[in-house]
N, C-alpha and C. Protein backbone atom coordinates (compact mmCIF):
# COMPACT_ATOMS: atom_id res chain seq x y z
N MET A 1 144.18 111.20 150.05
CA MET A 1 143.95 112.18 148.84
C MET A 1 144.72 113.42 149.10
N ARG A 2 145.21 113.91 147.94
CA ARG A 2 145.99 115.25 148.05
C ARG A 2 145.33 116.38 148.43
N ASP A 3 146.07 117.28 148.96
CA ASP A 3 145.36 118.49 149.50
C ASP A 3 145.59 119.67 148.54
N ARG A 4 144.68 120.10 147.80
CA ARG A 4 144.92 121.03 146.90
C ARG A 4 145.08 122.51 147.62
N GLN A 5 144.93 122.56 148.81
CA GLN A 5 145.26 123.69 149.49
C GLN A 5 146.67 123.99 149.71
N LYS A 6 147.30 123.05 149.45
CA LYS A 6 148.88 123.14 149.45
C LYS A 6 149.39 123.86 148.22
N LEU A 7 148.57 123.97 147.10
CA LEU A 7 149.00 124.64 145.83
C LEU A 7 148.69 126.09 146.10
N SER A 8 149.45 126.84 145.19
CA SER A 8 149.27 128.22 145.18
C SER A 8 147.87 128.49 144.47
N GLU A 9 147.44 129.65 144.61
CA GLU A 9 146.08 130.07 143.92
C GLU A 9 146.26 129.74 142.44
N LYS A 10 147.49 130.34 141.96
CA LYS A 10 147.62 130.22 140.30
C LYS A 10 147.66 128.81 139.98
N GLN A 11 148.31 127.78 140.72
CA GLN A 11 148.32 126.50 140.40
C GLN A 11 146.86 125.69 140.49
N ARG A 12 146.19 126.13 141.55
CA ARG A 12 144.84 125.74 141.56
C ARG A 12 143.86 126.08 140.35
N ASN A 13 144.01 127.52 140.12
CA ASN A 13 143.27 127.98 138.81
C ASN A 13 143.74 127.25 137.61
N ILE A 14 145.03 126.94 137.50
CA ILE A 14 145.59 126.29 136.24
C ILE A 14 144.94 124.91 136.11
N LEU A 15 145.07 124.22 137.36
CA LEU A 15 144.65 122.93 137.34
C LEU A 15 143.03 122.80 136.96
N ARG A 16 142.17 123.62 137.58
CA ARG A 16 140.93 123.66 137.27
C ARG A 16 140.66 123.79 135.85
N PHE A 17 141.29 124.82 135.28
CA PHE A 17 141.05 125.01 133.89
C PHE A 17 141.38 123.95 132.90
N ILE A 18 142.55 123.37 133.09
CA ILE A 18 142.86 122.05 132.52
C ILE A 18 141.86 120.97 132.54
N GLU A 19 141.51 120.70 133.84
CA GLU A 19 140.40 119.73 133.99
C GLU A 19 139.20 120.08 133.23
N THR A 20 138.63 121.33 133.40
CA THR A 20 137.52 121.81 132.60
C THR A 20 137.61 121.69 131.03
N HIS A 21 138.77 122.06 130.63
CA HIS A 21 139.18 122.02 129.15
C HIS A 21 139.04 120.58 128.47
N ILE A 22 139.70 119.69 129.26
CA ILE A 22 139.74 118.35 128.92
C ILE A 22 138.35 117.67 128.80
N ASP A 23 137.60 117.95 130.04
CA ASP A 23 136.37 117.52 130.12
C ASP A 23 135.36 117.98 129.04
N THR A 24 135.78 119.31 128.58
CA THR A 24 134.67 119.76 127.56
C THR A 24 135.04 119.43 126.15
N HIS A 25 136.59 119.43 125.86
CA HIS A 25 137.19 119.29 124.50
C HIS A 25 137.60 117.73 124.29
N GLY A 26 138.02 117.18 125.32
CA GLY A 26 138.55 115.96 125.10
C GLY A 26 140.09 115.95 124.89
N PHE A 27 140.75 117.07 124.96
CA PHE A 27 142.18 117.16 124.81
C PHE A 27 142.72 118.40 125.60
N PRO A 28 143.90 118.49 125.95
CA PRO A 28 144.38 119.33 126.94
C PRO A 28 144.68 120.80 126.18
N PRO A 29 144.61 121.96 127.03
CA PRO A 29 144.81 123.20 126.32
C PRO A 29 146.40 123.58 126.21
N THR A 30 146.55 124.52 125.39
CA THR A 30 147.88 124.89 125.22
C THR A 30 148.44 125.77 126.32
N ILE A 31 149.70 126.05 126.21
CA ILE A 31 150.11 127.16 127.38
C ILE A 31 149.46 128.51 126.95
N ARG A 32 149.25 128.90 125.81
CA ARG A 32 148.72 130.35 125.53
C ARG A 32 147.35 130.26 126.12
N GLN A 33 146.57 129.10 125.85
CA GLN A 33 145.17 129.04 126.31
C GLN A 33 145.16 128.97 127.75
N ILE A 34 145.93 128.42 128.49
CA ILE A 34 145.93 128.54 129.92
C ILE A 34 146.21 129.95 130.63
N GLY A 35 147.20 130.62 129.87
CA GLY A 35 147.70 131.85 130.54
C GLY A 35 146.37 132.93 130.24
N GLU A 36 145.66 132.80 129.09
CA GLU A 36 144.53 133.64 128.83
C GLU A 36 143.45 133.37 129.74
N ALA A 37 143.28 131.95 130.04
CA ALA A 37 142.13 131.71 130.96
C ALA A 37 142.37 132.06 132.38
N THR A 38 143.41 131.98 132.71
CA THR A 38 143.87 132.18 134.06
C THR A 38 144.49 133.60 134.52
N GLY A 39 144.56 134.51 133.58
CA GLY A 39 145.14 135.88 133.76
C GLY A 39 146.54 135.99 133.88
N ILE A 40 147.31 134.96 133.38
CA ILE A 40 148.75 134.90 133.56
C ILE A 40 149.37 135.45 132.18
N ALA A 41 149.95 136.54 132.04
CA ALA A 41 150.40 137.12 130.71
C ALA A 41 151.77 136.33 130.11
N SER A 42 152.55 135.89 131.12
CA SER A 42 153.94 135.32 130.83
C SER A 42 153.65 133.79 130.48
N THR A 43 154.24 133.39 129.44
CA THR A 43 154.04 131.86 129.12
C THR A 43 155.12 131.19 130.20
N SER A 44 156.24 131.88 130.46
CA SER A 44 157.24 131.25 131.33
C SER A 44 156.71 130.99 132.66
N VAL A 45 155.73 131.87 133.27
CA VAL A 45 155.11 131.76 134.52
C VAL A 45 154.07 130.50 134.41
N VAL A 46 153.44 130.44 133.32
CA VAL A 46 152.67 129.28 133.17
C VAL A 46 153.34 128.04 133.19
N ASN A 47 154.50 128.01 132.48
CA ASN A 47 155.27 126.79 132.34
C ASN A 47 155.84 126.39 133.75
N TYR A 48 156.29 127.49 134.48
CA TYR A 48 156.77 127.23 135.65
C TYR A 48 155.83 126.42 136.74
N ASN A 49 154.58 126.95 136.62
CA ASN A 49 153.51 126.50 137.47
C ASN A 49 153.10 124.96 137.04
N LEU A 50 153.12 124.91 135.82
CA LEU A 50 152.83 123.52 135.15
C LEU A 50 153.80 122.51 135.74
N ASN A 51 155.14 122.78 135.79
CA ASN A 51 156.21 121.89 136.24
C ASN A 51 155.98 121.83 137.82
N LYS A 52 155.64 122.74 138.45
CA LYS A 52 155.08 122.59 139.93
C LYS A 52 153.94 121.61 140.07
N LEU A 53 153.03 121.54 139.12
CA LEU A 53 151.83 120.59 139.21
C LEU A 53 152.36 119.22 138.94
N VAL A 54 153.39 119.11 138.00
CA VAL A 54 154.01 117.85 137.66
C VAL A 54 154.62 117.36 138.90
N ALA A 55 155.57 118.13 139.52
CA ALA A 55 156.24 117.72 140.73
C ALA A 55 155.27 117.25 141.93
N ALA A 56 154.22 117.82 141.91
CA ALA A 56 153.22 117.74 143.01
C ALA A 56 152.47 116.31 142.66
N GLY A 57 152.56 115.83 141.46
CA GLY A 57 151.82 114.73 141.09
C GLY A 57 150.37 114.77 140.50
N TYR A 58 149.99 115.95 140.11
CA TYR A 58 148.60 116.37 139.50
C TYR A 58 148.70 116.23 137.98
N LEU A 59 149.98 116.45 137.50
CA LEU A 59 150.06 116.36 136.03
C LEU A 59 151.07 115.61 135.52
N ALA A 60 151.07 115.15 134.18
CA ALA A 60 152.29 114.52 133.42
C ALA A 60 152.41 115.30 132.30
N ARG A 61 153.60 115.45 131.73
CA ARG A 61 153.72 116.11 130.38
C ARG A 61 154.44 115.19 129.40
N SER A 62 153.72 115.22 128.23
CA SER A 62 154.03 114.09 127.18
C SER A 62 155.40 114.34 126.70
N ALA A 63 156.06 113.21 126.27
CA ALA A 63 157.47 113.51 125.62
C ALA A 63 157.29 113.83 124.20
N ARG A 64 156.08 113.39 123.57
CA ARG A 64 156.00 113.54 122.13
C ARG A 64 155.59 115.15 121.77
N SER A 65 155.08 115.76 122.71
CA SER A 65 154.71 117.24 122.59
C SER A 65 155.42 118.13 123.66
N SER A 66 155.78 119.30 123.22
CA SER A 66 156.62 120.18 124.01
C SER A 66 155.52 120.61 125.09
N ARG A 67 154.08 120.70 124.90
CA ARG A 67 153.32 121.24 125.93
C ARG A 67 152.21 120.08 125.99
N GLY A 68 152.31 118.92 125.75
CA GLY A 68 151.18 117.94 125.89
C GLY A 68 151.05 117.65 127.23
N LEU A 69 149.78 117.66 127.79
CA LEU A 69 149.45 117.54 129.24
C LEU A 69 148.68 116.33 129.35
N ARG A 70 148.75 115.56 130.47
CA ARG A 70 147.74 114.60 130.96
C ARG A 70 147.65 114.82 132.62
N LEU A 71 146.28 114.80 132.92
CA LEU A 71 145.91 114.63 134.29
C LEU A 71 146.37 113.39 134.95
N VAL A 72 146.59 113.51 136.14
CA VAL A 72 147.01 112.20 137.00
C VAL A 72 145.99 112.01 138.08
N ASN A 73 145.37 110.95 138.09
CA ASN A 73 144.45 110.57 139.05
C ASN A 73 144.98 110.39 140.42
N LYS A 74 144.16 110.30 141.53
CA LYS A 74 144.68 110.22 142.82
C LYS A 74 145.44 108.98 143.19
N ASN A 75 145.34 107.88 142.18
CA ASN A 75 146.16 106.87 142.43
C ASN A 75 147.48 106.96 141.69
N GLY A 76 147.77 108.02 141.14
CA GLY A 76 149.02 108.15 140.24
C GLY A 76 149.05 107.73 139.01
N LYS A 77 147.88 107.42 138.43
CA LYS A 77 147.81 106.95 136.86
C LYS A 77 147.37 108.10 136.03
N LYS A 78 148.07 108.16 135.03
CA LYS A 78 148.04 109.20 133.91
C LYS A 78 146.71 109.07 133.24
N GLY A 79 146.03 110.18 132.85
CA GLY A 79 144.75 110.28 132.08
C GLY A 79 145.10 109.87 130.63
N VAL A 80 144.08 109.53 129.81
CA VAL A 80 144.28 109.23 128.55
C VAL A 80 143.38 110.15 127.78
N MET A 81 143.82 110.25 126.42
CA MET A 81 143.04 111.27 125.49
C MET A 81 141.36 110.71 125.46
N GLN A 82 141.22 109.71 125.45
CA GLN A 82 139.67 109.35 125.58
C GLN A 82 139.67 108.02 126.37
N PRO A 83 138.62 107.82 127.17
CA PRO A 83 138.38 106.54 127.85
C PRO A 83 138.26 105.35 126.77
N VAL A 84 138.54 104.14 127.34
CA VAL A 84 138.22 103.01 126.52
C VAL A 84 136.78 102.42 126.99
N SER A 85 136.03 102.06 126.00
CA SER A 85 134.83 101.43 126.28
C SER A 85 134.72 100.11 125.81
N ASN A 86 133.59 99.49 125.87
CA ASN A 86 133.11 98.11 125.33
C ASN A 86 133.53 98.01 123.77
N ALA A 87 134.23 97.17 123.34
CA ALA A 87 134.47 97.18 121.87
C ALA A 87 133.31 96.81 120.99
N MET A 88 132.34 96.18 121.88
CA MET A 88 131.05 95.56 121.09
C MET A 88 130.21 96.92 120.73
N SER A 89 130.33 97.93 121.73
CA SER A 89 129.48 98.91 121.50
C SER A 89 130.21 100.20 120.71
N VAL A 90 129.68 100.13 119.41
CA VAL A 90 130.42 101.23 118.66
C VAL A 90 129.44 101.82 117.58
N ILE A 91 129.89 102.89 117.18
CA ILE A 91 129.20 103.70 116.20
C ILE A 91 129.91 103.98 115.08
N ARG A 92 129.37 103.83 113.92
CA ARG A 92 129.99 104.17 112.71
C ARG A 92 129.87 105.73 112.22
N VAL A 93 130.97 106.36 112.18
CA VAL A 93 131.11 107.76 111.79
C VAL A 93 131.51 108.02 110.27
N PRO A 94 130.96 108.60 109.36
CA PRO A 94 131.44 108.77 108.05
C PRO A 94 132.72 109.35 108.11
N MET A 95 133.68 109.04 107.09
CA MET A 95 134.99 109.63 106.85
C MET A 95 134.76 110.56 105.82
N ALA A 96 135.01 111.80 105.87
CA ALA A 96 134.68 112.76 104.88
C ALA A 96 135.95 113.23 104.07
N GLY A 97 137.18 112.63 104.50
CA GLY A 97 138.38 112.91 103.63
C GLY A 97 139.53 113.37 104.67
N GLN A 98 140.23 114.42 104.30
CA GLN A 98 141.32 114.78 104.87
C GLN A 98 141.20 116.34 105.31
N ILE A 99 142.12 116.66 106.28
CA ILE A 99 142.20 118.00 106.66
C ILE A 99 143.41 118.37 107.06
N VAL A 100 143.93 119.56 106.84
CA VAL A 100 145.24 120.15 106.94
C VAL A 100 145.41 120.75 108.13
N ALA A 101 146.41 120.19 109.00
CA ALA A 101 146.80 120.88 110.30
C ALA A 101 148.23 121.41 109.93
N GLY A 102 148.31 122.39 109.34
CA GLY A 102 149.66 123.12 108.95
C GLY A 102 149.12 124.41 108.32
N GLN A 103 150.10 124.94 107.42
CA GLN A 103 149.84 126.00 106.55
C GLN A 103 148.74 125.36 105.59
N PRO A 104 147.55 125.78 105.34
CA PRO A 104 146.61 125.13 104.63
C PRO A 104 147.11 124.98 102.90
N ILE A 105 146.60 123.84 102.61
CA ILE A 105 146.78 123.63 101.28
C ILE A 105 145.53 122.97 100.65
N PRO A 106 145.09 122.99 99.44
CA PRO A 106 143.86 122.54 98.80
C PRO A 106 143.72 121.02 99.15
N THR A 107 142.73 120.53 100.00
CA THR A 107 142.49 119.16 100.13
C THR A 107 141.00 118.79 100.13
N TYR A 108 140.20 119.57 100.58
CA TYR A 108 138.91 119.08 100.93
C TYR A 108 137.96 120.42 100.93
N THR A 109 136.78 120.39 100.22
CA THR A 109 136.05 121.56 100.16
C THR A 109 134.54 121.40 100.79
N ASP A 110 134.22 120.40 101.03
CA ASP A 110 132.91 120.11 101.59
C ASP A 110 132.76 118.67 102.31
N VAL A 111 131.89 118.78 103.41
CA VAL A 111 131.69 117.66 104.26
C VAL A 111 130.77 116.57 103.60
N GLN A 112 131.42 115.66 102.89
CA GLN A 112 130.52 114.62 102.27
C GLN A 112 130.94 113.16 102.65
N ASP A 113 129.91 112.34 102.83
CA ASP A 113 130.20 110.99 103.20
C ASP A 113 130.87 110.32 101.90
N SER A 114 132.19 109.88 102.06
CA SER A 114 132.81 109.25 101.00
C SER A 114 132.46 107.65 100.86
N GLY A 115 131.68 107.28 101.78
CA GLY A 115 131.38 105.90 101.62
C GLY A 115 132.27 104.94 102.73
N ASP A 116 133.31 105.72 103.11
CA ASP A 116 134.19 105.00 104.21
C ASP A 116 133.56 105.47 105.64
N ALA A 117 134.02 104.74 106.67
CA ALA A 117 133.43 105.02 107.98
C ALA A 117 134.55 104.65 108.95
N VAL A 118 134.50 105.27 110.04
CA VAL A 118 135.31 104.85 111.19
C VAL A 118 134.57 104.47 112.40
N GLU A 119 134.88 103.37 113.07
CA GLU A 119 134.09 102.88 114.20
C GLU A 119 134.56 103.48 115.51
N VAL A 120 133.62 104.17 116.34
CA VAL A 120 134.13 104.85 117.51
C VAL A 120 133.26 104.39 118.74
N ALA A 121 133.87 104.69 119.91
CA ALA A 121 132.88 104.30 121.13
C ALA A 121 131.87 105.45 121.15
N PRO A 122 130.73 105.11 121.64
CA PRO A 122 129.59 106.14 121.70
C PRO A 122 129.97 107.28 122.71
N MET A 123 130.78 107.26 123.70
CA MET A 123 131.41 108.38 124.56
C MET A 123 132.11 109.48 123.66
N MET A 124 132.67 109.02 122.55
CA MET A 124 133.47 109.86 121.84
C MET A 124 132.55 111.11 121.15
N LEU A 125 131.28 110.87 120.96
CA LEU A 125 130.43 111.60 120.34
C LEU A 125 129.91 112.78 121.36
N ARG A 126 130.05 112.45 122.62
CA ARG A 126 129.58 113.52 123.71
C ARG A 126 128.25 113.79 123.56
N GLY A 127 127.48 112.73 123.31
CA GLY A 127 126.05 112.98 123.24
C GLY A 127 125.39 113.53 121.97
N VAL A 128 126.22 113.73 120.96
CA VAL A 128 125.87 114.38 119.67
C VAL A 128 125.36 113.42 118.88
N ASP A 129 123.99 113.58 118.19
CA ASP A 129 123.47 112.73 117.40
C ASP A 129 124.40 112.20 116.37
N THR A 130 124.24 111.04 115.92
CA THR A 130 125.25 110.48 114.81
C THR A 130 125.05 111.24 113.37
N SER A 131 123.76 111.60 113.28
CA SER A 131 123.68 112.39 111.91
C SER A 131 124.28 113.70 111.82
N ASP A 132 124.98 114.17 112.91
CA ASP A 132 125.46 115.46 113.01
C ASP A 132 127.01 115.40 113.22
N VAL A 133 127.72 114.34 112.91
CA VAL A 133 129.11 114.11 113.13
C VAL A 133 129.73 113.48 111.74
N PHE A 134 131.01 113.84 111.61
CA PHE A 134 131.85 113.31 110.57
C PHE A 134 133.18 113.36 111.00
N ALA A 135 134.11 112.68 110.33
CA ALA A 135 135.51 112.46 110.65
C ALA A 135 136.48 112.82 109.72
N LEU A 136 137.44 113.32 109.76
CA LEU A 136 138.60 113.78 108.80
C LEU A 136 139.91 113.17 109.38
N ARG A 137 140.73 112.89 108.44
CA ARG A 137 142.28 112.36 108.80
C ARG A 137 142.92 113.72 108.61
N VAL A 138 143.93 113.70 109.70
CA VAL A 138 144.74 115.09 109.66
C VAL A 138 146.00 114.88 108.96
N ARG A 139 146.45 115.78 108.16
CA ARG A 139 147.73 115.91 107.58
C ARG A 139 148.34 117.11 107.99
N GLY A 140 149.64 116.96 108.67
CA GLY A 140 150.34 118.06 109.21
C GLY A 140 150.38 118.02 110.69
N ASP A 141 151.13 118.90 111.29
CA ASP A 141 151.52 118.97 112.62
C ASP A 141 151.28 120.30 113.34
N SER A 142 150.43 121.13 112.68
CA SER A 142 150.34 122.55 113.38
C SER A 142 149.58 122.56 114.60
N MET A 143 148.91 121.30 114.97
CA MET A 143 148.16 121.22 116.11
C MET A 143 148.74 120.29 117.22
N ILE A 144 150.25 120.17 117.01
CA ILE A 144 150.97 119.13 117.93
C ILE A 144 150.70 119.36 119.27
N ASP A 145 150.63 120.76 119.72
CA ASP A 145 150.68 120.80 121.07
C ASP A 145 149.27 120.99 121.74
N ALA A 146 148.22 120.57 120.89
CA ALA A 146 146.88 120.33 121.39
C ALA A 146 146.83 118.73 121.23
N MET A 147 147.86 117.91 121.06
CA MET A 147 148.04 116.44 121.04
C MET A 147 147.21 115.99 119.80
N ILE A 148 147.39 116.57 118.80
CA ILE A 148 146.77 116.15 117.47
C ILE A 148 148.10 115.99 116.47
N SER A 149 148.31 115.08 116.06
CA SER A 149 149.41 114.63 115.10
C SER A 149 149.06 114.23 113.77
N ASP A 150 149.86 114.31 112.80
CA ASP A 150 149.77 113.87 111.50
C ASP A 150 149.26 112.32 111.60
N GLY A 151 148.21 111.99 110.75
CA GLY A 151 147.54 110.83 110.76
C GLY A 151 146.57 110.48 111.70
N ASP A 152 146.30 111.38 112.65
CA ASP A 152 145.26 111.16 113.50
C ASP A 152 143.85 111.32 112.90
N ILE A 153 142.80 110.70 113.50
CA ILE A 153 141.40 111.04 112.90
C ILE A 153 140.82 111.81 113.99
N VAL A 154 140.14 113.00 113.42
CA VAL A 154 139.49 113.74 114.27
C VAL A 154 137.95 113.78 113.97
N ILE A 155 137.00 113.66 115.05
CA ILE A 155 135.58 113.69 114.95
C ILE A 155 135.22 114.89 115.18
N PHE A 156 134.29 115.31 114.25
CA PHE A 156 133.66 116.63 114.20
C PHE A 156 132.17 116.90 114.56
N ARG A 157 131.62 117.69 115.16
CA ARG A 157 130.07 118.11 115.11
C ARG A 157 130.07 118.99 114.09
N LYS A 158 128.90 118.87 113.13
CA LYS A 158 128.70 119.60 112.09
C LYS A 158 128.19 120.87 112.71
N GLN A 159 128.68 122.12 112.34
CA GLN A 159 128.19 123.34 112.85
C GLN A 159 128.81 124.43 112.05
N SER A 160 128.12 125.58 112.01
CA SER A 160 128.54 126.68 111.22
C SER A 160 129.04 128.00 112.05
N ILE A 161 128.83 127.94 113.43
CA ILE A 161 129.31 128.81 114.22
C ILE A 161 130.26 128.42 115.33
N ALA A 162 131.09 129.07 115.98
CA ALA A 162 132.15 128.64 116.99
C ALA A 162 132.30 129.79 117.98
N ASN A 163 132.68 129.18 119.32
CA ASN A 163 133.11 130.23 120.20
C ASN A 163 134.70 130.32 120.00
N ASN A 164 135.13 131.63 120.69
CA ASN A 164 136.51 131.82 120.76
C ASN A 164 137.24 130.75 121.61
N GLY A 165 138.18 130.07 120.93
CA GLY A 165 139.00 129.02 121.49
C GLY A 165 138.62 127.61 121.12
N ASP A 166 137.53 127.56 120.34
CA ASP A 166 137.01 126.08 119.86
C ASP A 166 137.99 125.82 118.69
N MET A 167 138.29 124.49 118.63
CA MET A 167 139.21 124.08 117.56
C MET A 167 138.12 123.57 116.30
N VAL A 168 138.28 124.05 115.17
CA VAL A 168 137.33 123.99 114.27
C VAL A 168 138.02 123.46 112.90
N ALA A 169 137.02 122.97 111.86
CA ALA A 169 137.52 122.88 110.58
C ALA A 169 136.99 124.00 109.93
N VAL A 170 137.84 124.82 109.16
CA VAL A 170 137.33 126.08 108.51
C VAL A 170 137.79 126.05 107.08
N TRP A 171 136.58 126.22 106.34
CA TRP A 171 136.87 126.58 104.81
C TRP A 171 136.92 127.92 104.43
N LEU A 172 138.09 128.26 103.80
CA LEU A 172 138.68 129.57 103.45
C LEU A 172 138.32 129.74 101.96
N ASP A 173 137.11 130.22 101.73
CA ASP A 173 136.83 130.16 100.14
C ASP A 173 137.63 131.01 99.27
N GLU A 174 138.25 132.25 99.61
CA GLU A 174 139.03 132.90 98.91
C GLU A 174 140.24 132.05 98.45
N ARG A 175 140.70 131.16 99.25
CA ARG A 175 141.96 130.31 98.92
C ARG A 175 141.58 129.00 98.46
N GLY A 176 140.34 128.65 98.49
CA GLY A 176 140.02 127.33 98.02
C GLY A 176 140.73 126.23 98.99
N GLU A 177 140.73 126.56 100.23
CA GLU A 177 141.48 125.62 101.25
C GLU A 177 140.69 125.42 102.47
N THR A 178 141.08 124.32 103.22
CA THR A 178 140.40 124.12 104.50
C THR A 178 141.61 123.93 105.47
N THR A 179 141.17 124.15 106.80
CA THR A 179 142.38 123.99 107.73
C THR A 179 141.76 123.58 109.12
N LEU A 180 142.47 122.96 109.97
CA LEU A 180 142.17 122.79 111.49
C LEU A 180 142.86 123.60 112.38
N LYS A 181 142.31 124.63 112.92
CA LYS A 181 142.91 125.55 113.92
C LYS A 181 142.01 125.96 115.10
N TYR A 182 142.53 126.60 116.16
CA TYR A 182 141.61 127.38 117.19
C TYR A 182 140.99 128.42 116.54
N PHE A 183 139.88 128.94 116.78
CA PHE A 183 139.12 129.89 116.15
C PHE A 183 138.94 131.11 117.01
N TYR A 184 139.24 132.26 116.58
CA TYR A 184 139.03 133.47 117.47
C TYR A 184 138.58 134.60 116.56
N ASN A 185 137.44 135.08 116.90
CA ASN A 185 136.62 136.04 116.09
C ASN A 185 136.99 137.52 116.71
N GLU A 186 137.77 138.28 115.74
CA GLU A 186 138.42 139.46 116.13
C GLU A 186 137.74 140.70 115.48
N GLY A 187 136.37 140.63 115.36
CA GLY A 187 135.60 141.69 114.50
C GLY A 187 135.50 141.34 113.13
N GLU A 188 136.03 142.20 112.33
CA GLU A 188 136.07 142.04 110.76
C GLU A 188 137.01 140.96 110.29
N ARG A 189 137.96 140.52 111.31
CA ARG A 189 138.84 139.41 110.75
C ARG A 189 138.73 138.39 111.69
N VAL A 190 139.21 137.22 111.31
CA VAL A 190 139.17 135.77 112.25
C VAL A 190 140.76 135.41 112.34
N ARG A 191 141.29 135.14 113.41
CA ARG A 191 142.44 134.65 113.82
C ARG A 191 142.25 133.09 114.01
N LEU A 192 142.99 132.38 113.12
CA LEU A 192 143.17 130.94 113.07
C LEU A 192 144.42 130.45 113.76
N GLN A 193 144.40 130.13 114.89
CA GLN A 193 145.56 129.81 115.80
C GLN A 193 146.19 128.53 115.81
N PRO A 194 147.34 128.23 115.29
CA PRO A 194 147.88 126.87 115.49
C PRO A 194 148.14 126.54 116.81
N ALA A 195 148.53 125.48 117.23
CA ALA A 195 149.13 124.84 118.55
C ALA A 195 150.41 124.24 118.17
N HIS A 196 151.34 125.16 117.79
CA HIS A 196 152.64 124.77 117.48
C HIS A 196 153.68 125.97 117.62
N PRO A 197 154.66 125.69 118.40
CA PRO A 197 155.56 126.81 118.94
C PRO A 197 156.33 127.62 117.87
N THR A 198 156.36 127.13 116.60
CA THR A 198 156.97 127.80 115.45
C THR A 198 155.99 128.23 114.38
N MET A 199 154.88 128.03 114.63
CA MET A 199 153.98 128.52 113.38
C MET A 199 153.19 129.72 113.77
N ASP A 200 152.90 130.59 112.84
CA ASP A 200 152.19 131.98 112.97
C ASP A 200 150.66 131.72 112.80
N PRO A 201 149.80 132.55 113.41
CA PRO A 201 148.30 132.25 113.27
C PRO A 201 147.95 132.86 111.80
N ILE A 202 146.97 132.48 111.19
CA ILE A 202 146.33 132.87 109.92
C ILE A 202 145.35 133.88 110.24
N TYR A 203 145.41 134.97 109.46
CA TYR A 203 144.29 136.07 109.64
C TYR A 203 143.64 136.10 108.24
N VAL A 204 142.24 135.96 108.47
CA VAL A 204 141.33 135.94 107.25
C VAL A 204 140.07 136.98 107.53
N SER A 205 139.64 137.33 106.55
CA SER A 205 138.38 138.13 106.55
C SER A 205 137.16 137.24 107.15
N ALA A 206 136.34 137.71 108.13
CA ALA A 206 135.19 137.00 108.87
C ALA A 206 134.41 136.66 107.63
N ALA A 207 134.22 137.45 106.48
CA ALA A 207 133.16 137.07 105.59
C ALA A 207 133.47 136.03 104.52
N HIS A 208 134.89 135.57 104.67
CA HIS A 208 135.35 134.56 103.91
C HIS A 208 135.88 133.46 104.58
N CYS A 209 135.38 133.12 105.83
CA CYS A 209 135.81 132.08 106.62
C CYS A 209 134.59 131.32 107.13
N GLN A 210 134.41 130.13 106.59
CA GLN A 210 133.27 129.23 106.93
C GLN A 210 133.47 128.14 107.81
N ILE A 211 132.90 128.08 108.99
CA ILE A 211 133.07 127.17 109.89
C ILE A 211 132.26 125.86 109.44
N GLN A 212 132.82 124.61 109.38
CA GLN A 212 132.19 123.45 109.08
C GLN A 212 132.04 122.40 110.16
N GLY A 213 132.85 122.58 111.17
CA GLY A 213 132.55 121.74 112.30
C GLY A 213 133.40 121.87 113.42
N ARG A 214 133.02 121.58 114.77
CA ARG A 214 133.84 121.69 115.89
C ARG A 214 134.53 120.38 116.44
N VAL A 215 135.74 120.30 116.78
CA VAL A 215 136.20 119.08 117.25
C VAL A 215 135.48 118.48 118.55
N LEU A 216 135.23 117.05 118.46
CA LEU A 216 134.67 116.50 119.51
C LEU A 216 135.67 115.59 120.24
N SER A 217 136.35 114.83 119.32
CA SER A 217 137.43 114.00 119.92
C SER A 217 138.34 113.46 118.83
N VAL A 218 139.36 112.88 119.45
CA VAL A 218 140.52 112.51 118.62
C VAL A 218 140.88 110.99 118.64
N ILE A 219 141.19 110.36 117.52
CA ILE A 219 141.60 109.12 117.58
C ILE A 219 143.04 108.95 116.96
N ARG A 220 144.12 108.24 117.84
CA ARG A 220 145.28 108.10 117.25
C ARG A 220 145.46 106.76 116.78
N PRO A 221 145.61 106.49 115.63
CA PRO A 221 145.85 105.14 115.22
C PRO A 221 147.24 104.36 115.81
N MET A 222 146.98 103.09 116.17
CA MET A 222 148.17 102.61 116.89
C MET A 222 149.08 102.16 115.84
N VAL A 223 150.42 102.14 116.10
CA VAL A 223 151.48 102.10 114.99
C VAL A 223 152.15 100.71 115.52
């Protein structure tokens, strides 16, 4: 078994945060989130320590995403976005349409069951009642560094509130648009943060930002 005491304090803190984030959200954090959670102001310092963790065999970095991360278990195997479970044990989650992961455009205005559904393993609902979940297909790549790509299906828990750092579906009533972003309440305004190195955050009035659901898990269709 690997000895974490050989890691620096920064590296142990980073690794613990990544493990907790993946366990809670089902996907890895971004470099920005790692820095905020561990008190490291410089993204280059976070990146340096991530590379050290990769070299030490604790992490793997995805070639598909500049900051995509995977945990590596003690046997040297890479973790996956979601574990595989018995194919006979599935739950049907209603498909409510599309959501934009990019600069938002008009696509969908309410969470309604279109009659379509996606079959998922029960563990992907993380204990949430089936009546409180819905699915949306992603269009755009603004959340690519959170390992969510164009064409992926995202499972949401229906809710109207969120904590800072939650990835949510947000309805922007002044724009008549919806989007998928990280949520940060900054008082009278809300920052909707993409997970993409070249995209800027969206700032909106808190009074005109309606949360419709928090991300539970992600399905990547096989190509």
